[in-house]
Amino acid sequence: MIDISGLSEGEIKNKVNVLRQHIDHKEREIKNHYYEMNLHNKGAKDLRKKRDELHDQAKVLRDSTSGYRQRRDEVNKKIAELKLQREEVRDRRSGYTDKIGELKAARDNLNNIARGRLESLTNAYRSELEKFSSADISLEYEQSLFKRLHELGERVQAIRKANKIHGEIGEIFGKVGEFHQDYDTVNALIQDMAAESQENHEAMRNIYDEVDEIRSRADEYHKRLVEIYEVTKPLKEKIDAAKKSVSEAREELDIYLDRMKEIQLSRDERKQEEKHVAAKDKFNKSGRLSLEDLRLLMENDEIKFGK
């Protein structure tokens, strides 16, 4: 990194002029070398033309694949969306299947508690209740009936809950069947679109095979051109050296130009600060401001307007 912190503005400007002159000289040198190379390359004109024509043909063919690629990518995008939809259906179906398992376990547990059907348990409860309501029973028998009624009541509640859960299971089975149909429909769409995507891909591949054949012929012309270019290799080396010199000079020039910008920016900032101080003094002394003075004071938070 070049240290230019100790250089004056005049020295920097002088260095900028020297570098620009150097760049101009090298660019003219490059132009002259290219001119000389063109004189040697006249014999390669026909070969280059044929090579470029083949490259153009290959480009036209390659560009023609864009329609197939676009259709393939659109189909693949739809396939990806359908796969997500299929996964969602599968997950929801799985969730309902898990729910069915939980409900079956709860229903079976209640059936074990009920140990009977609702009709028979209800009839047994009513029968025992009639006995319990009779005035001509002993205290011991009444206590026995009370326990029996309490047990039957729990069993009746259990079978009612079990029947309700059984109904819920039936409803969920219906939904699972719908999900199964949805899953099959989506899966069939995915397969159809996958076939369409493959057709577009095959069409692209056939075109690329033709492009490869054309490029192979173009490479043969290019190979013969390279043989001619070997004659101009020394000139190319001079051009490269001159380009490198220009690149290095431009990098160095950028450093000096950046420094000049910094100097100008510092000068502008000083001028701005001087204007700010002058505006502040003017305001303090006369209370009057121009629009420019007002802008400067507002930018420096010297004046604020209330809402």
C-alpha atoms as a PDB file:
ATOM      1  CA  MET A   1       0.000   0.000   0.000  1.00  0.00           C
ATOM      2  CA  ILE A   2       1.388   3.378  -1.025  1.00  0.00           C
ATOM      3  CA  ASP A   3       1.707   5.907   1.802  1.00  0.00           C
ATOM      4  CA  ILE A   4       0.802   9.356   0.435  1.00  0.00           C
ATOM      5  CA  SER A   5      -0.192  10.989   3.701  1.00  0.00           C
ATOM      6  CA  GLY A   6       2.838  13.293   3.584  1.00  0.00           C
ATOM      7  CA  LEU A   7       2.283  14.559   0.037  1.00  0.00           C
ATOM      8  CA  SER A   8       0.859  17.996  -0.631  1.00  0.00           C
ATOM      9  CA  GLU A   9      -2.133  18.564  -2.883  1.00  0.00           C
ATOM     10  CA  GLY A  10       0.153  19.901  -5.626  1.00  0.00           C
ATOM     11  CA  GLU A  11       2.349  16.798  -5.463  1.00  0.00           C
ATOM     12  CA  ILE A  12      -0.694  14.569  -5.649  1.00  0.00           C
ATOM     13  CA  LYS A  13      -2.035  16.411  -8.702  1.00  0.00           C
ATOM     14  CA  ASN A  14       1.348  16.109 -10.407  1.00  0.00           C
ATOM     15  CA  LYS A  15       1.416  12.357  -9.705  1.00  0.00           C
ATOM     16  CA  VAL A  16      -2.121  12.022 -11.098  1.00  0.00           C
ATOM     17  CA  ASN A  17      -1.048  13.721 -14.349  1.00  0.00           C
ATOM     18  CA  VAL A  18       2.031  11.492 -14.649  1.00  0.00           C
ATOM     19  CA  LEU A  19      -0.043   8.343 -14.155  1.00  0.00           C
ATOM     20  CA  ARG A  20      -2.674   9.444 -16.655  1.00  0.00           C
ATOM     21  CA  GLN A  21       0.001  10.129 -19.241  1.00  0.00           C
ATOM     22  CA  HIS A  22       1.504   6.698 -18.567  1.00  0.00           C
ATOM     23  CA  ILE A  23      -1.912   5.051 -18.985  1.00  0.00           C
ATOM     24  CA  ASP A  24      -2.543   6.923 -22.240  1.00  0.00           C
ATOM     25  CA  HIS A  25       0.868   5.885 -23.562  1.00  0.00           C
ATOM     26  CA  LYS A  26       0.330   2.219 -22.689  1.00  0.00           C
ATOM     27  CA  GLU A  27      -3.178   2.193 -24.147  1.00  0.00           C
ATOM     28  CA  ARG A  28      -1.824   3.569 -27.446  1.00  0.00           C
ATOM     29  CA  GLU A  29       0.878   0.901 -27.306  1.00  0.00           C
ATOM     30  CA  ILE A  30      -1.796  -1.783 -26.819  1.00  0.00           C
ATOM     31  CA  LYS A  31      -3.778  -0.383 -29.751  1.00  0.00           C
ATOM     32  CA  ASN A  32      -0.715  -0.518 -32.002  1.00  0.00           C
ATOM     33  CA  HIS A  33       0.026  -4.121 -30.996  1.00  0.00           C
ATOM     34  CA  TYR A  34      -3.555  -5.100 -31.791  1.00  0.00           C
ATOM     35  CA  TYR A  35      -3.284  -3.457 -35.174  1.00  0.00           C
ATOM     36  CA  GLU A  36      -0.132  -5.451 -35.911  1.00  0.00           C
ATOM     37  CA  MET A  37      -1.829  -8.644 -34.747  1.00  0.00           C
ATOM     38  CA  ASN A  38      -4.762  -8.028 -37.089  1.00  0.00           C
ATOM     39  CA  LEU A  39      -2.378  -7.880 -40.025  1.00  0.00           C
ATOM     40  CA  HIS A  40      -1.172 -11.365 -39.124  1.00  0.00           C
ATOM     41  CA  ASN A  41      -4.689 -12.643 -38.509  1.00  0.00           C
ATOM     42  CA  LYS A  42      -6.132 -11.937 -41.940  1.00  0.00           C
ATOM     43  CA  GLY A  43      -5.596 -15.584 -42.891  1.00  0.00           C
ATOM     44  CA  ALA A  44      -7.694 -16.641 -39.901  1.00  0.00           C
ATOM     45  CA  LYS A  45     -10.713 -14.540 -40.885  1.00  0.00           C
ATOM     46  CA  ASP A  46     -12.472 -17.307 -42.798  1.00  0.00           C
ATOM     47  CA  LEU A  47     -11.842 -19.867 -40.047  1.00  0.00           C
ATOM     48  CA  ARG A  48     -13.117 -17.479 -37.414  1.00  0.00           C
ATOM     49  CA  LYS A  49     -16.246 -16.772 -39.457  1.00  0.00           C
ATOM     50  CA  LYS A  50     -17.067 -20.463 -39.808  1.00  0.00           C
ATOM     51  CA  ARG A  51     -16.407 -21.066 -36.110  1.00  0.00           C
ATOM     52  CA  ASP A  52     -18.605 -18.138 -35.082  1.00  0.00           C
ATOM     53  CA  GLU A  53     -21.420 -19.232 -37.403  1.00  0.00           C
ATOM     54  CA  LEU A  54     -21.410 -22.629 -35.732  1.00  0.00           C
ATOM     55  CA  HIS A  55     -21.393 -20.966 -32.311  1.00  0.00           C
ATOM     56  CA  ASP A  56     -24.421 -18.916 -33.382  1.00  0.00           C
ATOM     57  CA  GLN A  57     -26.228 -22.056 -34.523  1.00  0.00           C
ATOM     58  CA  ALA A  58     -25.459 -23.696 -31.202  1.00  0.00           C
ATOM     59  CA  LYS A  59     -26.732 -20.640 -29.345  1.00  0.00           C
ATOM     60  CA  VAL A  60     -30.017 -20.615 -31.284  1.00  0.00           C
ATOM     61  CA  LEU A  61     -30.549 -24.278 -30.499  1.00  0.00           C
ATOM     62  CA  ARG A  62     -29.558 -23.813 -26.874  1.00  0.00           C
ATOM     63  CA  ASP A  63     -31.973 -20.887 -26.542  1.00  0.00           C
ATOM     64  CA  SER A  64     -34.754 -23.022 -27.996  1.00  0.00           C
ATOM     65  CA  THR A  65     -34.538 -25.224 -24.906  1.00  0.00           C
ATOM     66  CA  SER A  66     -35.809 -22.389 -22.708  1.00  0.00           C
ATOM     67  CA  GLY A  67     -39.434 -23.232 -23.493  1.00  0.00           C
ATOM     68  CA  TYR A  68     -38.930 -26.890 -22.558  1.00  0.00           C
ATOM     69  CA  ARG A  69     -36.982 -25.885 -19.462  1.00  0.00           C
ATOM     70  CA  GLN A  70     -39.673 -23.446 -18.395  1.00  0.00           C
ATOM     71  CA  ARG A  71     -42.437 -26.025 -18.854  1.00  0.00           C
ATOM     72  CA  ARG A  72     -40.377 -28.663 -17.048  1.00  0.00           C
ATOM     73  CA  ASP A  73     -39.629 -26.338 -14.147  1.00  0.00           C
ATOM     74  CA  GLU A  74     -43.265 -25.249 -13.911  1.00  0.00           C
ATOM     75  CA  VAL A  75     -44.381 -28.869 -13.834  1.00  0.00           C
ATOM     76  CA  ASN A  76     -41.712 -29.726 -11.257  1.00  0.00           C
ATOM     77  CA  LYS A  77     -42.900 -26.823  -9.130  1.00  0.00           C
ATOM     78  CA  LYS A  78     -46.460 -28.128  -9.290  1.00  0.00           C
ATOM     79  CA  ILE A  79     -45.180 -31.606  -8.453  1.00  0.00           C
ATOM     80  CA  ALA A  80     -43.403 -30.208  -5.390  1.00  0.00           C
ATOM     81  CA  GLU A  81     -46.620 -28.462  -4.322  1.00  0.00           C
ATOM     82  CA  LEU A  82     -48.623 -31.659  -4.847  1.00  0.00           C
ATOM     83  CA  LYS A  83     -46.076 -33.650  -2.837  1.00  0.00           C
ATOM     84  CA  LEU A  84     -46.514 -31.225   0.032  1.00  0.00           C
ATOM     85  CA  GLN A  85     -50.276 -31.600  -0.347  1.00  0.00           C
ATOM     86  CA  ARG A  86     -49.882 -35.378  -0.382  1.00  0.00           C
ATOM     87  CA  GLU A  87     -47.746 -35.266   2.750  1.00  0.00           C
ATOM     88  CA  GLU A  88     -50.354 -33.079   4.412  1.00  0.00           C
ATOM     89  CA  VAL A  89     -53.101 -35.566   3.526  1.00  0.00           C
ATOM     90  CA  ARG A  90     -50.925 -38.420   4.773  1.00  0.00           C
ATOM     91  CA  ASP A  91     -50.174 -36.624   8.036  1.00  0.00           C
ATOM     92  CA  ARG A  92     -53.823 -35.755   8.610  1.00  0.00           C
ATOM     93  CA  ARG A  93     -54.861 -39.317   7.820  1.00  0.00           C
ATOM     94  CA  SER A  94     -52.198 -40.595  10.198  1.00  0.00           C
ATOM     95  CA  GLY A  95     -53.444 -38.184  12.851  1.00  0.00           C
ATOM     96  CA  TYR A  96     -56.997 -39.500  12.487  1.00  0.00           C
ATOM     97  CA  THR A  97     -55.700 -43.074  12.566  1.00  0.00           C
ATOM     98  CA  ASP A  98     -53.891 -42.363  15.819  1.00  0.00           C
ATOM     99  CA  LYS A  99     -57.056 -40.725  17.143  1.00  0.00           C
ATOM    100  CA  ILE A 100     -59.063 -43.824  16.251  1.00  0.00           C
ATOM    101  CA  GLY A 101     -56.624 -45.951  18.240  1.00  0.00           C
ATOM    102  CA  GLU A 102     -56.979 -43.689  21.263  1.00  0.00           C
ATOM    103  CA  LEU A 103     -60.783 -43.673  21.005  1.00  0.00           C
ATOM    104  CA  LYS A 104     -60.936 -47.459  20.610  1.00  0.00           C
ATOM    105  CA  ALA A 105     -58.837 -47.885  23.732  1.00  0.00           C
ATOM    106  CA  ALA A 106     -61.124 -45.494  25.648  1.00  0.00           C
ATOM    107  CA  ARG A 107     -64.255 -47.235  24.305  1.00  0.00           C
ATOM    108  CA  ASP A 108     -62.955 -50.686  25.183  1.00  0.00           C
ATOM    109  CA  ASN A 109     -62.067 -49.530  28.681  1.00  0.00           C
ATOM    110  CA  LEU A 110     -65.606 -48.149  29.156  1.00  0.00           C
ATOM    111  CA  ASN A 111     -67.125 -51.366  27.760  1.00  0.00           C
ATOM    112  CA  ASN A 112     -65.120 -53.322  30.330  1.00  0.00           C
ATOM    113  CA  ILE A 113     -66.581 -51.108  33.043  1.00  0.00           C
ATOM    114  CA  ALA A 114     -70.148 -51.341  31.637  1.00  0.00           C
ATOM    115  CA  ARG A 115     -70.079 -55.108  31.052  1.00  0.00           C
ATOM    116  CA  GLY A 116     -73.353 -54.994  29.162  1.00  0.00           C
ATOM    117  CA  ARG A 117     -75.518 -53.226  26.632  1.00  0.00           C
ATOM    118  CA  LEU A 118     -77.316 -49.947  27.329  1.00  0.00           C
ATOM    119  CA  GLU A 119     -80.812 -51.463  27.067  1.00  0.00           C
ATOM    120  CA  SER A 120     -80.157 -54.328  29.489  1.00  0.00           C
ATOM    121  CA  LEU A 121     -78.288 -52.101  31.947  1.00  0.00           C
ATOM    122  CA  THR A 122     -81.058 -49.468  31.837  1.00  0.00           C
ATOM    123  CA  ASN A 123     -83.728 -52.101  32.476  1.00  0.00           C
ATOM    124  CA  ALA A 124     -81.725 -53.544  35.342  1.00  0.00           C
ATOM    125  CA  TYR A 125     -81.295 -50.069  36.848  1.00  0.00           C
ATOM    126  CA  ARG A 126     -85.038 -49.346  36.646  1.00  0.00           C
ATOM    127  CA  SER A 127     -85.863 -52.698  38.178  1.00  0.00           C
ATOM    128  CA  GLU A 128     -83.538 -52.135  41.092  1.00  0.00           C
ATOM    129  CA  LEU A 129     -84.826 -48.589  41.511  1.00  0.00           C
ATOM    130  CA  GLU A 130     -88.411 -49.866  41.828  1.00  0.00           C
ATOM    131  CA  LYS A 131     -87.282 -52.273  44.496  1.00  0.00           C
ATOM    132  CA  PHE A 132     -85.398 -49.526  46.293  1.00  0.00           C
ATOM    133  CA  SER A 133     -88.488 -47.286  46.229  1.00  0.00           C
ATOM    134  CA  SER A 134     -90.604 -49.931  47.950  1.00  0.00           C
ATOM    135  CA  ALA A 135     -91.401 -49.212  51.584  1.00  0.00           C
ATOM    136  CA  ASP A 136     -91.536 -52.901  52.600  1.00  0.00           C
ATOM    137  CA  ILE A 137     -87.794 -53.733  52.551  1.00  0.00           C
ATOM    138  CA  SER A 138     -85.338 -54.176  55.324  1.00  0.00           C
ATOM    139  CA  LEU A 139     -82.579 -51.713  56.066  1.00  0.00           C
ATOM    140  CA  GLU A 140     -79.930 -54.248  55.169  1.00  0.00           C
ATOM    141  CA  TYR A 141     -81.605 -54.962  51.823  1.00  0.00           C
ATOM    142  CA  GLU A 142     -82.011 -51.225  51.176  1.00  0.00           C
ATOM    143  CA  GLN A 143     -78.286 -50.720  51.692  1.00  0.00           C
ATOM    144  CA  SER A 144     -77.533 -53.581  49.327  1.00  0.00           C
ATOM    145  CA  LEU A 145     -79.855 -52.108  46.696  1.00  0.00           C
ATOM    146  CA  PHE A 146     -78.262 -48.685  47.056  1.00  0.00           C
ATOM    147  CA  LYS A 147     -74.831 -50.126  46.324  1.00  0.00           C
ATOM    148  CA  ARG A 148     -76.299 -52.057  43.405  1.00  0.00           C
ATOM    149  CA  LEU A 149     -77.941 -48.885  42.008  1.00  0.00           C
ATOM    150  CA  HIS A 150     -74.701 -46.930  42.363  1.00  0.00           C
ATOM    151  CA  GLU A 151     -72.792 -49.638  40.470  1.00  0.00           C
ATOM    152  CA  LEU A 152     -75.457 -49.888  37.754  1.00  0.00           C
ATOM    153  CA  GLY A 153     -75.517 -46.106  37.428  1.00  0.00           C
ATOM    154  CA  GLU A 154     -71.773 -46.046  36.803  1.00  0.00           C
ATOM    155  CA  ARG A 155     -72.115 -48.860  34.287  1.00  0.00           C
ATOM    156  CA  VAL A 156     -74.948 -47.058  32.463  1.00  0.00           C
ATOM    157  CA  GLN A 157     -72.830 -43.870  32.270  1.00  0.00           C
ATOM    158  CA  ALA A 158     -69.881 -45.917  31.020  1.00  0.00           C
ATOM    159  CA  ILE A 159     -71.872 -47.609  28.231  1.00  0.00           C
ATOM    160  CA  ARG A 160     -73.377 -44.255  27.162  1.00  0.00           C
ATOM    161  CA  LYS A 161     -69.891 -42.760  26.909  1.00  0.00           C
ATOM    162  CA  ALA A 162     -68.680 -45.851  25.078  1.00  0.00           C
ATOM    163  CA  ASN A 163     -71.548 -45.592  22.567  1.00  0.00           C
ATOM    164  CA  LYS A 164     -70.810 -41.897  22.012  1.00  0.00           C
ATOM    165  CA  ILE A 165     -67.145 -42.664  21.391  1.00  0.00           C
ATOM    166  CA  HIS A 166     -68.148 -45.484  19.029  1.00  0.00           C
ATOM    167  CA  GLY A 167     -70.129 -42.950  17.000  1.00  0.00           C
ATOM    168  CA  GLU A 168     -67.133 -40.634  16.881  1.00  0.00           C
ATOM    169  CA  ILE A 169     -64.990 -43.528  15.657  1.00  0.00           C
ATOM    170  CA  GLY A 170     -67.458 -44.145  12.821  1.00  0.00           C
ATOM    171  CA  GLU A 171     -67.348 -40.503  11.767  1.00  0.00           C
ATOM    172  CA  ILE A 172     -63.549 -40.488  11.788  1.00  0.00           C
ATOM    173  CA  PHE A 173     -63.456 -43.698   9.725  1.00  0.00           C
ATOM    174  CA  GLY A 174     -65.512 -41.861   7.111  1.00  0.00           C
ATOM    175  CA  LYS A 175     -63.001 -39.004   7.053  1.00  0.00           C
ATOM    176  CA  VAL A 176     -60.096 -41.448   6.795  1.00  0.00           C
ATOM    177  CA  GLY A 177     -61.763 -42.958   3.731  1.00  0.00           C
ATOM    178  CA  GLU A 178     -62.035 -39.508   2.170  1.00  0.00           C
ATOM    179  CA  PHE A 179     -58.366 -38.815   2.897  1.00  0.00           C
ATOM    180  CA  HIS A 180     -57.449 -42.128   1.271  1.00  0.00           C
ATOM    181  CA  GLN A 181     -59.296 -41.089  -1.902  1.00  0.00           C
ATOM    182  CA  ASP A 182     -57.639 -37.648  -1.823  1.00  0.00           C
ATOM    183  CA  TYR A 183     -54.228 -39.287  -1.382  1.00  0.00           C
ATOM    184  CA  ASP A 184     -54.755 -41.563  -4.397  1.00  0.00           C
ATOM    185  CA  THR A 185     -55.977 -38.628  -6.519  1.00  0.00           C
ATOM    186  CA  VAL A 186     -52.979 -36.460  -5.654  1.00  0.00           C
ATOM    187  CA  ASN A 187     -50.572 -39.351  -6.187  1.00  0.00           C
ATOM    188  CA  ALA A 188     -52.036 -39.995  -9.655  1.00  0.00           C
ATOM    189  CA  LEU A 189     -51.596 -36.317 -10.555  1.00  0.00           C
ATOM    190  CA  ILE A 190     -47.970 -36.455  -9.430  1.00  0.00           C
ATOM    191  CA  GLN A 191     -47.297 -39.460 -11.658  1.00  0.00           C
ATOM    192  CA  ASP A 192     -48.914 -37.799 -14.693  1.00  0.00           C
ATOM    193  CA  MET A 193     -46.948 -34.592 -14.180  1.00  0.00           C
ATOM    194  CA  ALA A 194     -43.717 -36.523 -13.637  1.00  0.00           C
ATOM    195  CA  ALA A 195     -44.203 -38.111 -17.074  1.00  0.00           C
ATOM    196  CA  GLU A 196     -44.793 -34.661 -18.604  1.00  0.00           C
ATOM    197  CA  SER A 197     -41.680 -33.317 -16.881  1.00  0.00           C
ATOM    198  CA  GLN A 198     -39.627 -36.221 -18.235  1.00  0.00           C
ATOM    199  CA  GLU A 199     -40.883 -35.562 -21.788  1.00  0.00           C
ATOM    200  CA  ASN A 200     -39.692 -31.945 -21.609  1.00  0.00           C
ATOM    201  CA  HIS A 201     -36.388 -33.091 -20.131  1.00  0.00           C
ATOM    202  CA  GLU A 202     -35.865 -35.584 -22.945  1.00  0.00           C
ATOM    203  CA  ALA A 203     -36.598 -32.906 -25.553  1.00  0.00           C
ATOM    204  CA  MET A 204     -33.980 -30.671 -23.927  1.00  0.00           C
ATOM    205  CA  ARG A 205     -31.427 -33.478 -23.847  1.00  0.00           C
ATOM    206  CA  ASN A 206     -31.910 -34.211 -27.561  1.00  0.00           C
ATOM    207  CA  ILE A 207     -31.315 -30.555 -28.391  1.00  0.00           C
ATOM    208  CA  TYR A 208     -28.209 -30.460 -26.196  1.00  0.00           C
ATOM    209  CA  ASP A 209     -26.855 -33.523 -28.016  1.00  0.00           C
ATOM    210  CA  GLU A 210     -27.210 -31.637 -31.303  1.00  0.00           C
ATOM    211  CA  VAL A 211     -25.568 -28.580 -29.726  1.00  0.00           C
ATOM    212  CA  ASP A 212     -22.622 -30.735 -28.625  1.00  0.00           C
ATOM    213  CA  GLU A 213     -22.140 -32.020 -32.194  1.00  0.00           C
ATOM    214  CA  ILE A 214     -22.115 -28.447 -33.592  1.00  0.00           C
ATOM    215  CA  ARG A 215     -19.697 -27.321 -30.907  1.00  0.00           C
ATOM    216  CA  SER A 216     -17.395 -30.193 -31.776  1.00  0.00           C
ATOM    217  CA  ARG A 217     -17.174 -28.905 -35.364  1.00  0.00           C
ATOM    218  CA  ALA A 218     -16.628 -25.376 -34.124  1.00  0.00           C
ATOM    219  CA  ASP A 219     -13.802 -26.629 -31.916  1.00  0.00           C
ATOM    220  CA  GLU A 220     -12.043 -28.023 -34.982  1.00  0.00           C
ATOM    221  CA  TYR A 221     -12.044 -24.575 -36.587  1.00  0.00           C
ATOM    222  CA  HIS A 222     -10.913 -23.094 -33.307  1.00  0.00           C
ATOM    223  CA  LYS A 223      -8.028 -25.538 -33.113  1.00  0.00           C
ATOM    224  CA  ARG A 224      -6.789 -24.373 -36.511  1.00  0.00           C
ATOM    225  CA  LEU A 225      -7.168 -20.781 -35.378  1.00  0.00           C
ATOM    226  CA  VAL A 226      -5.031 -21.496 -32.332  1.00  0.00           C
ATOM    227  CA  GLU A 227      -2.277 -22.721 -34.593  1.00  0.00           C
ATOM    228  CA  ILE A 228      -2.362 -19.360 -36.376  1.00  0.00           C
ATOM    229  CA  TYR A 229      -2.475 -17.478 -33.086  1.00  0.00           C
ATOM    230  CA  GLU A 230       0.781 -19.079 -32.019  1.00  0.00           C
ATOM    231  CA  VAL A 231       2.482 -16.856 -34.573  1.00  0.00           C
ATOM    232  CA  THR A 232       1.155 -13.787 -32.781  1.00  0.00           C
ATOM    233  CA  LYS A 233       2.036 -15.041 -29.298  1.00  0.00           C
ATOM    234  CA  PRO A 234       4.929 -12.567 -28.732  1.00  0.00           C
ATOM    235  CA  LEU A 235       2.583  -9.684 -29.556  1.00  0.00           C
ATOM    236  CA  LYS A 236       0.023 -11.070 -27.157  1.00  0.00           C
ATOM    237  CA  GLU A 237       2.627 -11.163 -24.415  1.00  0.00           C
ATOM    238  CA  LYS A 238       3.445  -7.510 -25.043  1.00  0.00           C
ATOM    239  CA  ILE A 239      -0.224  -6.647 -24.891  1.00  0.00           C
ATOM    240  CA  ASP A 240      -0.623  -8.524 -21.626  1.00  0.00           C
ATOM    241  CA  ALA A 241       2.385  -6.762 -20.133  1.00  0.00           C
ATOM    242  CA  ALA A 242       1.025  -3.378 -21.249  1.00  0.00           C
ATOM    243  CA  LYS A 243      -2.431  -4.211 -19.835  1.00  0.00           C
ATOM    244  CA  LYS A 244      -0.860  -5.207 -16.542  1.00  0.00           C
ATOM    245  CA  SER A 245       1.043  -1.938 -16.460  1.00  0.00           C
ATOM    246  CA  VAL A 246      -2.187  -0.032 -17.144  1.00  0.00           C
ATOM    247  CA  SER A 247      -4.034  -1.983 -14.432  1.00  0.00           C
ATOM    248  CA  GLU A 248      -1.321  -1.287 -11.874  1.00  0.00           C
ATOM    249  CA  ALA A 249      -1.218   2.381 -12.880  1.00  0.00           C
ATOM    250  CA  ARG A 250      -5.006   2.632 -12.540  1.00  0.00           C
ATOM    251  CA  GLU A 251      -4.866   1.086  -9.064  1.00  0.00           C
ATOM    252  CA  GLU A 252      -2.229   3.602  -8.056  1.00  0.00           C
ATOM    253  CA  LEU A 253      -4.191   6.399  -9.714  1.00  0.00           C
ATOM    254  CA  ASP A 254      -7.280   5.457  -7.707  1.00  0.00           C
ATOM    255  CA  ILE A 255      -5.294   5.914  -4.500  1.00  0.00           C
ATOM    256  CA  TYR A 256      -4.260   9.438  -5.486  1.00  0.00           C
ATOM    257  CA  LEU A 257      -7.744  10.325  -6.743  1.00  0.00           C
ATOM    258  CA  ASP A 258      -9.290   9.069  -3.492  1.00  0.00           C
ATOM    259  CA  ARG A 259      -6.843  11.240  -1.563  1.00  0.00           C
ATOM    260  CA  MET A 260      -7.787  14.252  -3.681  1.00  0.00           C
ATOM    261  CA  LYS A 261     -11.448  13.568  -2.919  1.00  0.00           C
ATOM    262  CA  GLU A 262     -10.631  13.418   0.796  1.00  0.00           C
ATOM    263  CA  ILE A 263      -8.817  16.768   0.566  1.00  0.00           C
ATOM    264  CA  GLN A 264     -11.731  18.327  -1.312  1.00  0.00           C
ATOM    265  CA  LEU A 265     -14.216  16.846   1.171  1.00  0.00           C
ATOM    266  CA  SER A 266     -12.230  18.230   4.090  1.00  0.00           C
ATOM    267  CA  ARG A 267     -12.131  21.635   2.399  1.00  0.00           C
ATOM    268  CA  ASP A 268     -15.898  21.486   1.791  1.00  0.00           C
ATOM    269  CA  GLU A 269     -16.533  20.498   5.398  1.00  0.00           C
ATOM    270  CA  ARG A 270     -14.463  23.431   6.639  1.00  0.00           C
ATOM    271  CA  LYS A 271     -16.392  25.779   4.390  1.00  0.00           C
ATOM    272  CA  GLN A 272     -19.656  24.285   5.611  1.00  0.00           C
ATOM    273  CA  GLU A 273     -18.614  24.709   9.231  1.00  0.00           C
ATOM    274  CA  GLU A 274     -17.591  28.299   8.543  1.00  0.00           C
ATOM    275  CA  LYS A 275     -21.025  28.937   7.037  1.00  0.00           C
ATOM    276  CA  HIS A 276     -22.637  27.287  10.043  1.00  0.00           C
ATOM    277  CA  VAL A 277     -20.698  29.440  12.514  1.00  0.00           C
ATOM    278  CA  ALA A 278     -21.467  32.570  10.506  1.00  0.00           C
ATOM    279  CA  ALA A 279     -25.172  31.700  10.396  1.00  0.00           C
ATOM    280  CA  LYS A 280     -25.198  31.062  14.139  1.00  0.00           C
ATOM    281  CA  ASP A 281     -23.468  34.397  14.853  1.00  0.00           C
ATOM    282  CA  LYS A 282     -25.882  36.192  12.522  1.00  0.00           C
ATOM    283  CA  PHE A 283     -28.863  34.631  14.266  1.00  0.00           C
ATOM    284  CA  ASN A 284     -27.529  35.467  17.711  1.00  0.00           C
ATOM    285  CA  LYS A 285     -26.825  39.072  16.732  1.00  0.00           C
ATOM    286  CA  SER A 286     -29.758  39.993  14.538  1.00  0.00           C
ATOM    287  CA  GLY A 287     -32.246  37.200  14.955  1.00  0.00           C
ATOM    288  CA  ARG A 288     -32.614  37.103  11.156  1.00  0.00           C
ATOM    289  CA  LEU A 289     -31.789  34.223   8.875  1.00  0.00           C
ATOM    290  CA  SER A 290     -31.772  33.402   5.206  1.00  0.00           C
ATOM    291  CA  LEU A 291     -33.213  30.084   4.075  1.00  0.00           C
ATOM    292  CA  GLU A 292     -29.678  28.712   3.674  1.00  0.00           C
ATOM    293  CA  ASP A 293     -28.767  29.906   7.220  1.00  0.00           C
ATOM    294  CA  LEU A 294     -31.930  28.277   8.567  1.00  0.00           C
ATOM    295  CA  ARG A 295     -31.101  24.992   6.843  1.00  0.00           C
ATOM    296  CA  LEU A 296     -27.583  24.957   8.314  1.00  0.00           C
ATOM    297  CA  LEU A 297     -28.811  25.638  11.849  1.00  0.00           C
ATOM    298  CA  MET A 298     -31.565  22.998  11.597  1.00  0.00           C
ATOM    299  CA  GLU A 299     -29.122  20.367  10.275  1.00  0.00           C
ATOM    300  CA  ASN A 300     -26.920  20.999  13.322  1.00  0.00           C
ATOM    301  CA  ASP A 301     -29.914  20.976  15.739  1.00  0.00           C
ATOM    302  CA  GLU A 302     -29.335  24.648  16.560  1.00  0.00           C
ATOM    303  CA  ILE A 303     -33.000  25.376  15.846  1.00  0.00           C
ATOM    304  CA  LYS A 304     -35.938  23.049  16.421  1.00  0.00           C
ATOM    305  CA  PHE A 305     -39.621  23.618  15.715  1.00  0.00           C
ATOM    306  CA  GLY A 306     -42.141  22.274  18.173  1.00  0.00           C
ATOM    307  CA  LYS A 307     -45.027  20.108  17.010  1.00  0.00           C
END
